[in-house]
Amino acid sequence: MQRLKDDTRERILAAGRAELMRRGFAAASMRAIAAAAGVSAGNLYRYFAGKEALFEAVVRPAYTRLLSLVRADARLDRRAVKDFRNVQPVADLLLEACSAWRVEMLILTDRSAGTRYENVAGVLVRHIERRLSAGVRAGGPAGAARESSFILHVMAATFVEGFLMILRENPDERFMDLAVRRLLALFFKDIVARMRAVLPQRRGK
């Protein structure tokens, strides 16, 4: 009996995942999810109290993995802080999460409007920006803090959007890994030296 209940729950989660990916949280229909899972609407609500609870169950594994991005700061290799490698742990964790939960990651970033997760992409941008800022502060151009901060924000936001574009294309895992690492190098390799060239140190008046 328990196995049957577990199978039913998994069918509902699979149907919910597909419906959320197709229509997003706001437009997703619990009735459509029940039909796709082969259960009555009443039976669906025995497993999940509402759409919010179902959404939570679908995205929780991917979101939990994303939280490890923040925890990874404590393990940042300070010897690499002046190099683009200080963003490498972010890419590694994103690739790992997307390998296991690609659809759930896209639901979080593209289909979560109306939920508490709707700014997940913004969280990633700010996290990458903080890592880059640490590197620039350690060896970047002095006296150009405002310009540096703005440019790093633009770079982080553009990198995250590029990463999501790769993810949306549904490439195979090897291609995705290669594409993300090339994107990472294109954006951030020798970032301090390039920032120095663009924003040279200001002379005192």
Foldseek 3Di string as FASTA:
>chain_A
DVVVVVLLLVLLLVLLLVQCLVAFLVPRDLCSSCVSSVHHSVVVCVVPVDSLRSLCVNQVVLVVLLVVLVVCVVVQDPVCLLFLCSCVVVLVSVLVSCVVRLSSVCSLDPRHPPDPSPCVLVVQLVSQLVSNVSNCVVQAAPPCVVVSSVVSSVLSSVLSVVLVVLSVVPDDSVVSSVVNVVSSCVRTGSNRVVRCVVPPHDDDD
